[in-house]
C-alpha atoms as a PDB file:
ATOM      1  CA  MET A   1       0.000   0.000   0.000  1.00  0.00           C
ATOM      2  CA  THR A   2       1.291   3.441  -0.896  1.00  0.00           C
ATOM      3  CA  GLN A   3       1.774   5.586   2.144  1.00  0.00           C
ATOM      4  CA  PRO A   4       0.449   9.167   2.345  1.00  0.00           C
ATOM      5  CA  ASP A   5       2.817  12.024   1.551  1.00  0.00           C
ATOM      6  CA  HIS A   6       3.456  13.827   4.822  1.00  0.00           C
ATOM      7  CA  GLY A   7       5.384  16.711   3.307  1.00  0.00           C
ATOM      8  CA  GLY A   8       8.862  15.854   4.623  1.00  0.00           C
ATOM      9  CA  GLY A   9      10.696  15.242   1.361  1.00  0.00           C
ATOM     10  CA  GLY A  10      12.949  18.262   1.224  1.00  0.00           C
ATOM     11  CA  GLY A  11      13.079  19.624   4.757  1.00  0.00           C
ATOM     12  CA  ARG A  12      15.755  19.704   7.405  1.00  0.00           C
ATOM     13  CA  PRO A  13      16.659  16.241   8.735  1.00  0.00           C
ATOM     14  CA  VAL A  14      15.891  15.364  12.346  1.00  0.00           C
ATOM     15  CA  LEU A  15      17.362  12.221  13.882  1.00  0.00           C
ATOM     16  CA  ILE A  16      14.922  10.256  16.024  1.00  0.00           C
ATOM     17  CA  HIS A  17      16.467   8.474  19.006  1.00  0.00           C
ATOM     18  CA  ASP A  18      14.247   5.730  20.487  1.00  0.00           C
ATOM     19  CA  PRO A  19      14.886   4.835  24.172  1.00  0.00           C
ATOM     20  CA  SER A  20      11.794   2.586  24.498  1.00  0.00           C
ATOM     21  CA  LEU A  21      13.941  -0.384  25.552  1.00  0.00           C
ATOM     22  CA  ARG A  22      15.763   1.710  28.180  1.00  0.00           C
ATOM     23  CA  ASP A  23      13.413   4.388  29.529  1.00  0.00           C
ATOM     24  CA  GLY A  24      10.462   2.024  29.133  1.00  0.00           C
ATOM     25  CA  HIS A  25      12.113  -0.301  31.635  1.00  0.00           C
ATOM     26  CA  HIS A  26      11.050   2.124  34.408  1.00  0.00           C
ATOM     27  CA  ALA A  27       7.393   1.387  33.662  1.00  0.00           C
ATOM     28  CA  VAL A  28       7.760  -2.383  34.075  1.00  0.00           C
ATOM     29  CA  GLY A  29      10.197  -2.631  36.966  1.00  0.00           C
ATOM     30  CA  HIS A  30      13.116  -3.318  34.580  1.00  0.00           C
ATOM     31  CA  GLN A  31      11.620  -6.735  33.773  1.00  0.00           C
ATOM     32  CA  LEU A  32      11.711  -6.892  29.971  1.00  0.00           C
ATOM     33  CA  SER A  33      12.817 -10.296  28.694  1.00  0.00           C
ATOM     34  CA  ARG A  34      15.215 -11.100  25.871  1.00  0.00           C
ATOM     35  CA  GLU A  35      12.237 -12.082  23.700  1.00  0.00           C
ATOM     36  CA  GLN A  36      10.551  -8.717  24.306  1.00  0.00           C
ATOM     37  CA  LEU A  37      13.769  -6.823  23.579  1.00  0.00           C
ATOM     38  CA  ARG A  38      14.268  -8.774  20.374  1.00  0.00           C
ATOM     39  CA  ALA A  39      10.691  -8.280  19.164  1.00  0.00           C
ATOM     40  CA  TYR A  40      10.708  -4.503  19.490  1.00  0.00           C
ATOM     41  CA  ALA A  41      14.294  -3.993  18.338  1.00  0.00           C
ATOM     42  CA  SER A  42      13.571  -5.907  15.137  1.00  0.00           C
ATOM     43  CA  ALA A  43      10.408  -3.892  14.491  1.00  0.00           C
ATOM     44  CA  ALA A  44      12.178  -0.583  15.160  1.00  0.00           C
ATOM     45  CA  ASP A  45      15.001  -1.580  12.822  1.00  0.00           C
ATOM     46  CA  SER A  46      12.520  -2.495  10.087  1.00  0.00           C
ATOM     47  CA  ALA A  47      10.854   0.930  10.458  1.00  0.00           C
ATOM     48  CA  GLY A  48      14.172   2.693   9.920  1.00  0.00           C
ATOM     49  CA  ILE A  49      14.420   4.275  13.378  1.00  0.00           C
ATOM     50  CA  PRO A  50      17.996   5.639  13.388  1.00  0.00           C
ATOM     51  CA  VAL A  51      18.988   4.848  17.004  1.00  0.00           C
ATOM     52  CA  VAL A  52      17.558   2.210  19.343  1.00  0.00           C
ATOM     53  CA  GLU A  53      18.660   2.621  22.951  1.00  0.00           C
ATOM     54  CA  VAL A  54      18.687  -0.359  25.331  1.00  0.00           C
ATOM     55  CA  GLY A  55      19.434  -0.980  28.996  1.00  0.00           C
ATOM     56  CA  HIS A  56      18.264  -0.766  32.583  1.00  0.00           C
ATOM     57  CA  GLY A  57      16.096   2.308  33.098  1.00  0.00           C
ATOM     58  CA  ASN A  58      18.899   4.013  35.039  1.00  0.00           C
ATOM     59  CA  GLY A  59      21.506   2.946  32.515  1.00  0.00           C
ATOM     60  CA  LEU A  60      24.589   0.747  32.417  1.00  0.00           C
ATOM     61  CA  GLY A  61      25.581  -0.787  35.737  1.00  0.00           C
ATOM     62  CA  ALA A  62      22.415   0.352  37.522  1.00  0.00           C
ATOM     63  CA  SER A  63      20.691  -2.988  38.114  1.00  0.00           C
ATOM     64  CA  SER A  64      20.562  -3.182  41.930  1.00  0.00           C
ATOM     65  CA  LEU A  65      18.313  -3.588  44.936  1.00  0.00           C
ATOM     66  CA  GLN A  66      18.239   0.185  45.379  1.00  0.00           C
ATOM     67  CA  VAL A  67      16.655   1.042  42.026  1.00  0.00           C
ATOM     68  CA  GLY A  68      15.530  -2.401  40.887  1.00  0.00           C
ATOM     69  CA  ARG A  69      17.213  -5.490  39.538  1.00  0.00           C
ATOM     70  CA  ALA A  70      16.743  -6.057  35.834  1.00  0.00           C
ATOM     71  CA  ARG A  71      15.421  -9.369  34.592  1.00  0.00           C
ATOM     72  CA  VAL A  72      18.205  -9.487  31.993  1.00  0.00           C
ATOM     73  CA  SER A  73      21.844  -8.496  32.525  1.00  0.00           C
ATOM     74  CA  ASP A  74      23.474  -5.612  30.662  1.00  0.00           C
ATOM     75  CA  ASP A  75      25.501  -8.088  28.609  1.00  0.00           C
ATOM     76  CA  GLU A  76      22.412 -10.067  27.603  1.00  0.00           C
ATOM     77  CA  MET A  77      20.466  -6.913  26.712  1.00  0.00           C
ATOM     78  CA  LEU A  78      23.268  -5.574  24.557  1.00  0.00           C
ATOM     79  CA  SER A  79      23.937  -8.830  22.744  1.00  0.00           C
ATOM     80  CA  THR A  80      20.227  -9.447  22.095  1.00  0.00           C
ATOM     81  CA  VAL A  81      19.564  -6.014  20.644  1.00  0.00           C
ATOM     82  CA  ARG A  82      22.844  -5.909  18.713  1.00  0.00           C
ATOM     83  CA  GLU A  83      21.849  -9.141  16.966  1.00  0.00           C
ATOM     84  CA  SER A  84      18.421  -7.678  16.137  1.00  0.00           C
ATOM     85  CA  LEU A  85      19.632  -4.472  14.483  1.00  0.00           C
ATOM     86  CA  VAL A  86      20.609  -4.521  10.831  1.00  0.00           C
ATOM     87  CA  HIS A  87      20.229  -0.855   9.924  1.00  0.00           C
ATOM     88  CA  SER A  88      19.628   1.013  13.200  1.00  0.00           C
ATOM     89  CA  ARG A  89      22.450   2.085  15.474  1.00  0.00           C
ATOM     90  CA  MET A  90      22.508   0.746  19.041  1.00  0.00           C
ATOM     91  CA  GLY A  91      22.643   3.271  21.862  1.00  0.00           C
ATOM     92  CA  VAL A  92      23.181   3.032  25.616  1.00  0.00           C
ATOM     93  CA  PHE A  93      22.837   5.433  28.534  1.00  0.00           C
ATOM     94  CA  MET A  94      24.975   5.768  31.654  1.00  0.00           C
ATOM     95  CA  LEU A  95      24.881   7.850  34.811  1.00  0.00           C
ATOM     96  CA  PRO A  96      28.290   8.301  36.496  1.00  0.00           C
ATOM     97  CA  GLY A  97      28.060   6.644  39.887  1.00  0.00           C
ATOM     98  CA  TRP A  98      25.798   3.868  38.660  1.00  0.00           C
ATOM     99  CA  GLY A  99      27.998   2.928  35.742  1.00  0.00           C
ATOM    100  CA  ALA A 100      31.776   3.045  35.381  1.00  0.00           C
ATOM    101  CA  VAL A 101      34.424   2.868  32.673  1.00  0.00           C
ATOM    102  CA  ARG A 102      34.376  -0.924  32.898  1.00  0.00           C
ATOM    103  CA  ASP A 103      30.704  -0.861  31.860  1.00  0.00           C
ATOM    104  CA  LEU A 104      31.559   1.356  28.910  1.00  0.00           C
ATOM    105  CA  LYS A 105      34.297  -1.070  27.855  1.00  0.00           C
ATOM    106  CA  ARG A 106      31.815  -3.954  27.893  1.00  0.00           C
ATOM    107  CA  ALA A 107      29.303  -1.949  25.861  1.00  0.00           C
ATOM    108  CA  ILE A 108      32.025  -1.218  23.292  1.00  0.00           C
ATOM    109  CA  ASP A 109      32.827  -4.944  23.148  1.00  0.00           C
ATOM    110  CA  HIS A 110      29.158  -5.549  22.306  1.00  0.00           C
ATOM    111  CA  GLY A 111      29.322  -3.136  19.388  1.00  0.00           C
ATOM    112  CA  VAL A 112      27.565  -0.088  20.809  1.00  0.00           C
ATOM    113  CA  ASP A 113      27.362   2.786  18.331  1.00  0.00           C
ATOM    114  CA  LEU A 114      26.339   5.689  20.573  1.00  0.00           C
ATOM    115  CA  VAL A 115      26.787   6.306  24.304  1.00  0.00           C
ATOM    116  CA  ARG A 116      24.997   8.952  26.325  1.00  0.00           C
ATOM    117  CA  ILE A 117      26.463  10.140  29.599  1.00  0.00           C
ATOM    118  CA  GLY A 118      23.863  11.847  31.792  1.00  0.00           C
ATOM    119  CA  THR A 119      24.382  14.182  34.745  1.00  0.00           C
ATOM    120  CA  HIS A 120      22.296  16.594  36.779  1.00  0.00           C
ATOM    121  CA  CYS A 121      21.853  19.815  34.821  1.00  0.00           C
ATOM    122  CA  THR A 122      24.472  21.772  36.801  1.00  0.00           C
ATOM    123  CA  GLU A 123      26.983  18.946  37.239  1.00  0.00           C
ATOM    124  CA  GLY A 124      28.331  18.316  33.746  1.00  0.00           C
ATOM    125  CA  ASN A 125      31.833  18.057  35.206  1.00  0.00           C
ATOM    126  CA  LEU A 126      30.913  14.570  36.460  1.00  0.00           C
ATOM    127  CA  ALA A 127      30.951  13.370  32.852  1.00  0.00           C
ATOM    128  CA  GLU A 128      34.523  14.494  32.128  1.00  0.00           C
ATOM    129  CA  ARG A 129      36.265  11.185  32.731  1.00  0.00           C
ATOM    130  CA  HIS A 130      33.733   9.081  30.840  1.00  0.00           C
ATOM    131  CA  LEU A 131      33.451  11.392  27.839  1.00  0.00           C
ATOM    132  CA  GLY A 132      37.226  11.564  27.688  1.00  0.00           C
ATOM    133  CA  PHE A 133      37.475   7.769  27.700  1.00  0.00           C
ATOM    134  CA  LEU A 134      34.906   7.474  24.910  1.00  0.00           C
ATOM    135  CA  ARG A 135      36.683  10.117  22.861  1.00  0.00           C
ATOM    136  CA  GLU A 136      39.940   8.183  23.136  1.00  0.00           C
ATOM    137  CA  ALA A 137      38.077   4.989  22.214  1.00  0.00           C
ATOM    138  CA  GLY A 138      36.619   6.655  19.111  1.00  0.00           C
ATOM    139  CA  VAL A 139      33.003   6.118  20.187  1.00  0.00           C
ATOM    140  CA  ASP A 140      30.232   8.593  19.401  1.00  0.00           C
ATOM    141  CA  ALA A 141      29.364  10.052  22.833  1.00  0.00           C
ATOM    142  CA  HIS A 142      26.724  12.558  23.887  1.00  0.00           C
ATOM    143  CA  GLY A 143      26.536  14.512  27.138  1.00  0.00           C
ATOM    144  CA  VAL A 144      22.972  15.081  28.358  1.00  0.00           C
ATOM    145  CA  LEU A 145      21.642  17.179  31.246  1.00  0.00           C
ATOM    146  CA  LEU A 146      18.869  15.835  33.488  1.00  0.00           C
ATOM    147  CA  MET A 147      16.241  17.875  35.387  1.00  0.00           C
ATOM    148  CA  SER A 148      17.089  20.716  33.031  1.00  0.00           C
ATOM    149  CA  HIS A 149      14.214  22.945  34.202  1.00  0.00           C
ATOM    150  CA  MET A 150      16.302  23.613  37.318  1.00  0.00           C
ATOM    151  CA  ALA A 151      18.850  25.706  35.399  1.00  0.00           C
ATOM    152  CA  SER A 152      18.615  28.847  33.302  1.00  0.00           C
ATOM    153  CA  PRO A 153      19.080  28.692  29.509  1.00  0.00           C
ATOM    154  CA  GLN A 154      22.475  30.373  29.883  1.00  0.00           C
ATOM    155  CA  ARG A 155      23.648  27.915  32.535  1.00  0.00           C
ATOM    156  CA  LEU A 156      22.547  24.968  30.384  1.00  0.00           C
ATOM    157  CA  ALA A 157      24.461  26.439  27.451  1.00  0.00           C
ATOM    158  CA  GLU A 158      27.573  26.826  29.594  1.00  0.00           C
ATOM    159  CA  GLU A 159      27.318  23.217  30.786  1.00  0.00           C
ATOM    160  CA  CYS A 160      26.940  22.012  27.195  1.00  0.00           C
ATOM    161  CA  VAL A 161      30.055  23.938  26.143  1.00  0.00           C
ATOM    162  CA  ARG A 162      31.922  22.158  28.931  1.00  0.00           C
ATOM    163  CA  LEU A 163      30.594  18.760  27.770  1.00  0.00           C
ATOM    164  CA  VAL A 164      31.859  19.420  24.248  1.00  0.00           C
ATOM    165  CA  GLU A 165      35.280  20.337  25.659  1.00  0.00           C
ATOM    166  CA  TYR A 166      35.308  16.960  27.425  1.00  0.00           C
ATOM    167  CA  GLY A 167      34.693  15.178  24.102  1.00  0.00           C
ATOM    168  CA  ALA A 168      30.916  15.070  23.593  1.00  0.00           C
ATOM    169  CA  THR A 169      29.928  14.760  19.928  1.00  0.00           C
ATOM    170  CA  GLY A 170      26.388  15.837  20.814  1.00  0.00           C
ATOM    171  CA  VAL A 171      24.698  17.532  23.775  1.00  0.00           C
ATOM    172  CA  GLY A 172      21.191  18.102  25.019  1.00  0.00           C
ATOM    173  CA  ILE A 173      18.596  18.358  27.741  1.00  0.00           C
ATOM    174  CA  LEU A 174      16.015  16.100  29.355  1.00  0.00           C
ATOM    175  CA  ASP A 175      12.718  17.435  30.678  1.00  0.00           C
ATOM    176  CA  SER A 176      12.929  14.852  33.446  1.00  0.00           C
ATOM    177  CA  ALA A 177       9.961  16.200  35.401  1.00  0.00           C
ATOM    178  CA  GLY A 178       7.767  16.967  32.386  1.00  0.00           C
ATOM    179  CA  GLN A 179       7.444  20.602  33.453  1.00  0.00           C
ATOM    180  CA  TYR A 180       8.276  22.496  30.260  1.00  0.00           C
ATOM    181  CA  LEU A 181       5.955  24.384  27.937  1.00  0.00           C
ATOM    182  CA  PRO A 182       7.020  24.955  24.298  1.00  0.00           C
ATOM    183  CA  GLY A 183       8.409  28.433  24.949  1.00  0.00           C
ATOM    184  CA  ASP A 184      10.614  27.088  27.741  1.00  0.00           C
ATOM    185  CA  VAL A 185      12.061  24.467  25.411  1.00  0.00           C
ATOM    186  CA  ALA A 186      12.602  26.842  22.496  1.00  0.00           C
ATOM    187  CA  GLU A 187      14.490  29.306  24.702  1.00  0.00           C
ATOM    188  CA  ARG A 188      16.816  26.639  26.067  1.00  0.00           C
ATOM    189  CA  ILE A 189      17.506  24.891  22.786  1.00  0.00           C
ATOM    190  CA  ALA A 190      18.214  28.231  21.096  1.00  0.00           C
ATOM    191  CA  ALA A 191      20.701  29.158  23.818  1.00  0.00           C
ATOM    192  CA  ILE A 192      22.507  25.838  23.499  1.00  0.00           C
ATOM    193  CA  ARG A 193      22.523  25.973  19.691  1.00  0.00           C
ATOM    194  CA  ALA A 194      24.137  29.400  19.847  1.00  0.00           C
ATOM    195  CA  ALA A 195      26.880  28.089  22.139  1.00  0.00           C
ATOM    196  CA  VAL A 196      27.944  24.817  20.466  1.00  0.00           C
ATOM    197  CA  THR A 197      28.504  23.451  16.977  1.00  0.00           C
ATOM    198  CA  VAL A 198      27.643  19.793  17.718  1.00  0.00           C
ATOM    199  CA  PRO A 199      24.111  18.359  17.336  1.00  0.00           C
ATOM    200  CA  VAL A 200      21.635  19.255  20.106  1.00  0.00           C
ATOM    201  CA  MET A 201      19.002  16.857  21.461  1.00  0.00           C
ATOM    202  CA  PHE A 202      15.754  17.086  23.423  1.00  0.00           C
ATOM    203  CA  HIS A 203      14.040  14.399  25.518  1.00  0.00           C
ATOM    204  CA  GLY A 204      10.489  15.156  26.635  1.00  0.00           C
ATOM    205  CA  HIS A 205       8.187  13.766  29.312  1.00  0.00           C
ATOM    206  CA  ASN A 206       4.429  14.003  29.094  1.00  0.00           C
ATOM    207  CA  ASN A 207       3.261  14.988  32.593  1.00  0.00           C
ATOM    208  CA  LEU A 208       1.401  18.049  31.295  1.00  0.00           C
ATOM    209  CA  GLY A 209       0.498  16.537  27.921  1.00  0.00           C
ATOM    210  CA  MET A 210       3.087  18.711  26.175  1.00  0.00           C
ATOM    211  CA  ALA A 211       5.732  16.172  25.126  1.00  0.00           C
ATOM    212  CA  VAL A 212       4.957  16.228  21.386  1.00  0.00           C
ATOM    213  CA  ALA A 213       4.479  20.018  21.322  1.00  0.00           C
ATOM    214  CA  ASN A 214       7.713  20.499  23.265  1.00  0.00           C
ATOM    215  CA  SER A 215       9.588  18.172  20.908  1.00  0.00           C
ATOM    216  CA  VAL A 216       8.304  20.125  17.907  1.00  0.00           C
ATOM    217  CA  ALA A 217       9.387  23.370  19.593  1.00  0.00           C
ATOM    218  CA  ALA A 218      12.840  21.871  20.110  1.00  0.00           C
ATOM    219  CA  ALA A 219      13.140  20.866  16.467  1.00  0.00           C
ATOM    220  CA  GLU A 220      11.975  24.284  15.293  1.00  0.00           C
ATOM    221  CA  ALA A 221      14.544  25.924  17.598  1.00  0.00           C
ATOM    222  CA  GLY A 222      17.340  23.902  16.021  1.00  0.00           C
ATOM    223  CA  ALA A 223      17.523  20.581  17.858  1.00  0.00           C
ATOM    224  CA  GLY A 224      18.740  17.937  15.434  1.00  0.00           C
ATOM    225  CA  ILE A 225      17.968  14.938  17.679  1.00  0.00           C
ATOM    226  CA  ILE A 226      14.570  14.199  19.226  1.00  0.00           C
ATOM    227  CA  ASP A 227      13.903  11.359  21.673  1.00  0.00           C
ATOM    228  CA  ALA A 228      10.629   9.455  21.449  1.00  0.00           C
ATOM    229  CA  CYS A 229       9.260   6.112  22.634  1.00  0.00           C
ATOM    230  CA  ALA A 230       6.644   3.705  21.316  1.00  0.00           C
ATOM    231  CA  ARG A 231       3.288   4.606  22.891  1.00  0.00           C
ATOM    232  CA  GLY A 232       5.331   6.976  25.071  1.00  0.00           C
ATOM    233  CA  PHE A 233       6.668   3.941  26.981  1.00  0.00           C
ATOM    234  CA  GLY A 234       8.597   5.365  29.930  1.00  0.00           C
ATOM    235  CA  ALA A 235       8.535   6.441  33.569  1.00  0.00           C
ATOM    236  CA  GLY A 236       5.464   8.075  35.100  1.00  0.00           C
ATOM    237  CA  ALA A 237       3.278   9.817  32.520  1.00  0.00           C
ATOM    238  CA  GLY A 238       5.587   8.594  29.780  1.00  0.00           C
ATOM    239  CA  ASN A 239       7.731  10.147  27.075  1.00  0.00           C
ATOM    240  CA  THR A 240       7.181  11.787  23.715  1.00  0.00           C
ATOM    241  CA  GLN A 241       5.160   9.321  21.620  1.00  0.00           C
ATOM    242  CA  ILE A 242       7.216   8.292  18.615  1.00  0.00           C
ATOM    243  CA  GLU A 243       4.348   7.264  16.330  1.00  0.00           C
ATOM    244  CA  VAL A 244       2.802  10.715  16.860  1.00  0.00           C
ATOM    245  CA  VAL A 245       5.825  13.016  16.782  1.00  0.00           C
ATOM    246  CA  VAL A 246       7.328  11.501  13.616  1.00  0.00           C
ATOM    247  CA  PRO A 247       4.365  12.211  11.300  1.00  0.00           C
ATOM    248  CA  VAL A 248       3.854  15.612  12.956  1.00  0.00           C
ATOM    249  CA  LEU A 249       7.462  16.548  12.226  1.00  0.00           C
ATOM    250  CA  GLU A 250       7.120  15.255   8.673  1.00  0.00           C
ATOM    251  CA  ARG A 251       3.978  17.346   8.115  1.00  0.00           C
ATOM    252  CA  LEU A 252       5.910  20.385   9.316  1.00  0.00           C
ATOM    253  CA  GLY A 253       8.570  19.739   6.687  1.00  0.00           C
ATOM    254  CA  PHE A 254      11.244  17.905   8.682  1.00  0.00           C
ATOM    255  CA  ARG A 255      12.774  14.669   7.379  1.00  0.00           C
ATOM    256  CA  THR A 256      13.079  11.639   9.683  1.00  0.00           C
ATOM    257  CA  GLY A 257      13.661   8.844   7.140  1.00  0.00           C
ATOM    258  CA  ILE A 258      11.254   6.598   9.078  1.00  0.00           C
ATOM    259  CA  ASP A 259       8.650   4.399   7.360  1.00  0.00           C
ATOM    260  CA  LEU A 260       5.270   5.475   8.789  1.00  0.00           C
ATOM    261  CA  TYR A 261       3.405   2.186   8.406  1.00  0.00           C
ATOM    262  CA  LYS A 262       6.255   0.130   9.846  1.00  0.00           C
ATOM    263  CA  LEU A 263       6.578   2.656  12.684  1.00  0.00           C
ATOM    264  CA  LEU A 264       2.895   2.199  13.487  1.00  0.00           C
ATOM    265  CA  ASP A 265       3.418  -1.577  13.368  1.00  0.00           C
ATOM    266  CA  ALA A 266       6.343  -1.261  15.803  1.00  0.00           C
ATOM    267  CA  ALA A 267       4.203   0.807  18.185  1.00  0.00           C
ATOM    268  CA  ASP A 268       1.468  -1.841  18.042  1.00  0.00           C
ATOM    269  CA  ILE A 269       4.054  -4.516  18.845  1.00  0.00           C
ATOM    270  CA  ALA A 270       5.314  -2.435  21.784  1.00  0.00           C
ATOM    271  CA  GLU A 271       1.821  -2.044  23.223  1.00  0.00           C
ATOM    272  CA  ARG A 272       1.084  -5.724  22.800  1.00  0.00           C
ATOM    273  CA  GLU A 273       4.439  -7.164  23.857  1.00  0.00           C
ATOM    274  CA  LEU A 274       6.160  -4.714  26.238  1.00  0.00           C
ATOM    275  CA  MET A 275       3.543  -3.140  28.511  1.00  0.00           C
ATOM    276  CA  ASP A 276       0.351  -3.928  30.390  1.00  0.00           C
ATOM    277  CA  THR A 277      -1.117  -0.560  29.402  1.00  0.00           C
ATOM    278  CA  PRO A 278       0.395   2.519  27.729  1.00  0.00           C
ATOM    279  CA  PRO A 279       1.427   5.380  30.052  1.00  0.00           C
ATOM    280  CA  THR A 280      -1.336   7.762  31.093  1.00  0.00           C
ATOM    281  CA  ILE A 281      -1.356  11.245  32.582  1.00  0.00           C
ATOM    282  CA  ASP A 282      -2.850  10.660  36.023  1.00  0.00           C
ATOM    283  CA  SER A 283      -3.411  13.221  38.758  1.00  0.00           C
ATOM    284  CA  ILE A 284      -0.092  12.608  40.481  1.00  0.00           C
ATOM    285  CA  GLY A 285       1.723  12.823  37.159  1.00  0.00           C
ATOM    286  CA  ILE A 286       0.220  16.267  36.575  1.00  0.00           C
ATOM    287  CA  VAL A 287       1.209  17.433  40.041  1.00  0.00           C
ATOM    288  CA  SER A 288       4.785  16.150  39.740  1.00  0.00           C
ATOM    289  CA  GLY A 289       5.072  18.031  36.444  1.00  0.00           C
ATOM    290  CA  LEU A 290       3.729  21.259  37.933  1.00  0.00           C
ATOM    291  CA  ALA A 291       6.024  20.853  40.941  1.00  0.00           C
ATOM    292  CA  GLY A 292       9.064  20.081  38.788  1.00  0.00           C
ATOM    293  CA  VAL A 293       9.819  16.830  40.612  1.00  0.00           C
ATOM    294  CA  PHE A 294      11.176  13.692  38.944  1.00  0.00           C
ATOM    295  CA  SER A 295       8.177  11.434  38.324  1.00  0.00           C
ATOM    296  CA  GLY A 296      10.195   8.419  39.443  1.00  0.00           C
ATOM    297  CA  PHE A 297       9.437   9.598  42.993  1.00  0.00           C
ATOM    298  CA  LYS A 298       5.763   8.717  42.506  1.00  0.00           C
ATOM    299  CA  LYS A 299       5.661   5.278  44.126  1.00  0.00           C
ATOM    300  CA  ARG A 300       7.616   6.350  47.210  1.00  0.00           C
ATOM    301  CA  VAL A 301       5.598   9.550  47.623  1.00  0.00           C
ATOM    302  CA  LEU A 302       2.327   7.611  47.518  1.00  0.00           C
ATOM    303  CA  GLU A 303       3.572   4.981  49.972  1.00  0.00           C
ATOM    304  CA  ILE A 304       4.987   7.449  52.489  1.00  0.00           C
ATOM    305  CA  SER A 305       2.095   9.900  52.220  1.00  0.00           C
ATOM    306  CA  LYS A 306      -0.387   7.128  52.979  1.00  0.00           C
ATOM    307  CA  ARG A 307       1.652   5.981  55.961  1.00  0.00           C
ATOM    308  CA  GLU A 308       2.009   9.508  57.352  1.00  0.00           C
ATOM    309  CA  GLY A 309      -1.575  10.515  56.597  1.00  0.00           C
ATOM    310  CA  VAL A 310      -0.770  13.516  54.369  1.00  0.00           C
ATOM    311  CA  ASP A 311      -1.827  14.546  50.861  1.00  0.00           C
ATOM    312  CA  PRO A 312       0.750  13.294  48.306  1.00  0.00           C
ATOM    313  CA  ARG A 313       0.103  16.391  46.204  1.00  0.00           C
ATOM    314  CA  ASP A 314       1.320  18.563  49.075  1.00  0.00           C
ATOM    315  CA  VAL A 315       4.399  16.351  49.349  1.00  0.00           C
ATOM    316  CA  PHE A 316       5.202  16.835  45.655  1.00  0.00           C
ATOM    317  CA  PHE A 317       4.814  20.598  45.789  1.00  0.00           C
ATOM    318  CA  GLU A 318       7.027  20.801  48.873  1.00  0.00           C
ATOM    319  CA  LEU A 319       9.654  18.590  47.225  1.00  0.00           C
ATOM    320  CA  GLY A 320       9.518  20.959  44.271  1.00  0.00           C
ATOM    321  CA  ARG A 321      10.018  23.969  46.535  1.00  0.00           C
ATOM    322  CA  LEU A 322      13.069  22.238  48.006  1.00  0.00           C
ATOM    323  CA  GLN A 323      14.341  21.369  44.490  1.00  0.00           C
ATOM    324  CA  ALA A 324      14.652  17.684  45.263  1.00  0.00           C
ATOM    325  CA  VAL A 325      16.489  15.574  42.693  1.00  0.00           C
ATOM    326  CA  ALA A 326      16.857  11.857  42.019  1.00  0.00           C
ATOM    327  CA  GLY A 327      18.922  10.270  44.754  1.00  0.00           C
ATOM    328  CA  GLN A 328      17.251  12.356  47.485  1.00  0.00           C
ATOM    329  CA  GLU A 329      14.387   9.934  48.092  1.00  0.00           C
ATOM    330  CA  ASP A 330      15.032  10.113  51.854  1.00  0.00           C
ATOM    331  CA  LEU A 331      13.788  13.696  51.685  1.00  0.00           C
ATOM    332  CA  ILE A 332      10.284  12.370  50.984  1.00  0.00           C
ATOM    333  CA  ILE A 333      10.063  11.029  54.551  1.00  0.00           C
ATOM    334  CA  ASP A 334      11.231  14.322  56.055  1.00  0.00           C
ATOM    335  CA  VAL A 335       8.716  16.317  54.014  1.00  0.00           C
ATOM    336  CA  ALA A 336       5.802  14.009  54.807  1.00  0.00           C
ATOM    337  CA  GLN A 337       6.567  14.018  58.525  1.00  0.00           C
ATOM    338  CA  SER A 338       6.932  17.811  58.561  1.00  0.00           C
ATOM    339  CA  LEU A 339       3.581  18.218  56.799  1.00  0.00           C
ATOM    340  CA  ARG A 340       1.927  15.873  59.267  1.00  0.00           C
ATOM    341  CA  ALA A 341       3.380  17.819  62.196  1.00  0.00           C
ATOM    342  CA  ALA A 342       2.187  21.095  60.658  1.00  0.00           C
ATOM    343  CA  GLY A 343      -1.286  19.693  60.166  1.00  0.00           C
ATOM    344  CA  GLY A 344      -1.318  20.079  56.371  1.00  0.00           C
ATOM    345  CA  ALA A 345       0.381  21.855  53.535  1.00  0.00           C
ATOM    346  CA  ARG A 346       3.146  24.333  54.273  1.00  0.00           C
ATOM    347  CA  GLU A 347       2.768  27.935  53.191  1.00  0.00           C
ATOM    348  CA  GLY A 348       3.518  28.194  49.489  1.00  0.00           C
ATOM    349  CA  SER A 349       3.628  24.455  48.840  1.00  0.00           C
ATOM    350  CA  ARG A 350       0.459  24.488  46.730  1.00  0.00           C
ATOM    351  CA  THR A 351       0.364  25.862  43.224  1.00  0.00           C
ATOM    352  CA  ARG A 352      -2.684  27.746  41.949  1.00  0.00           C
ATOM    353  CA  VAL A 353      -3.358  27.429  38.234  1.00  0.00           C
END
């Protein structure tokens, strides 16, 4: 069947990076099997998705009791997906502290094509050693900044310049809390584009239902790499939905090189094979986005709030006021207990919209 013309024949190319088999792991407790990895990787490759990222939700070396043990080891994940990709490049993600140079060496042995090193948005210096190692190894390496709403456009640009100096061949930002609106994204991408000459990426979350719109704003502001997942498969309210953002970008005149029908087939396979239900924007997801708090806190906030007898929405807004970041889960207990002692929400912890 001939596919419809979506208007992308002569426009600026945008590279789509698909972390469904990495970020999606958050939504299923890191329990994807080799068969599930193989099924989606093969479908994504057939659709012509340029980069397929695989791994534990928190990246290389992160499988642990603290953040969840994966059903399949890093080595098994990498070998399974590598064998399934004929055309697509294989990507991995690593957070310094969870992963180490030894994990990067193993990924290289498995034929990884692209490595992303992630840090908190103001701590790009933590990526220096790993980006330097990858540069010496001749591996395409990107430096990406998490919880990027916590820094100004200028500060993000400065951090990205530093990442390039360390050896990053691409840089970008993650809307880890799903807080951005399109104008926020455009301002930040424009600032980064003005500061570096390497490709710039954007990774959106859908807490406020803005992931596709934010990804379009990023592309229009000059981002050359857009992250998106099948059915939005990812933590909390999910990520930018790949089978939506690709045809939208094509209609706007961008070129992705992805086969629409095969992309839709891959998304159907993902919904059927990888997840119980696609991500949804629930009430807590909205609140965590408004508060600017990593949605991965959701389960702990709900558990602790119930135990302490406080409103989890108040806990999220207070965590946002305190600028809590991943790794500060112990702060949830302190906040909940303080709210209980105060008899409710602290002054200024609620947001009026």
